[in-house]
Amino acid sequence: MSGVPRVVIVDDHHLFRSGVRAELGGQLEVVGDAGSVEEAVAVIREQRPDVVLLDVHMPDGGGVAVIERVAPEQPALRFLALSVSDAAEDVIAVIRAGARGYVTKTISGVELAAAVRSVADGDAVFSPRLAGFVLDAFAGDSRRGAEASAGADPELDQLTPREREVLRHIARGYMYKEVAQRLGISVKTVEAHVSAVLRKLQLSSRHELSRWAVQRRLVSLD
């Protein structure tokens, strides 16, 4: 893109947002910040920035929730995750949701500004280790796609991508609250997805759900 990218910062720690503003203020145009999903949605809708710099985990949801709320309304908007977490599941979840990059909070101000510019230009930005997570995940998607073409599973095809994500977490033994935190959604949303999955698959309990997922190799027994 031409010109200086307009940026909104989303993080539930006010002091951290202030620090990022100070770091980026002389290099980029910071047009707003927010400390929650609801605040973020409002600011993004009002300011219509080029890039949203967003945390992965917040008390009322996280980066995934923000992306799901505003991305359909602003298809040209870019998202860059900035988090203390370097866990593979966090990286993959937010990239699947639509983020163009993921960097950790150990990044310097100069590096962060460069990352924002790259994302604004349509490039993907990751640290080398995090990039490996993403490549592995999407390579796995390709393999599963080939397997699905060879023999589709009508029952699995009933589920939406988010329902499959919730299913895998539940099948691994995570509680609803843990699933909500990992996916950046509310506990009630997790409960709704689980109910939908049980109904579609005609199952009656989490135990049956886990067994169903293992039989289809959606999760392992390890």
Foldseek 3Di string as FASTA:
>chain_A
DDDAFEEEEEAQDPVVVVVLCVLCVVPHHDPYYYNDLVRLLVSCVVPVTQEYEWEQFHPAFGLLSNLVNPCVVNVNHAYEYEYQDLDLLSLQLNVVSPHQEYDYPVDHSVVVSVCRVCRSVVHHDYDVVNVVSNVVVVVVVVVVVVVCVVPNDVLVVVADPVLLLLLLCLLVPDDLVVSCRSNRHDSVVSVVSVVVSCVSNVHDDSVVSNVVCCVVPVDDPD
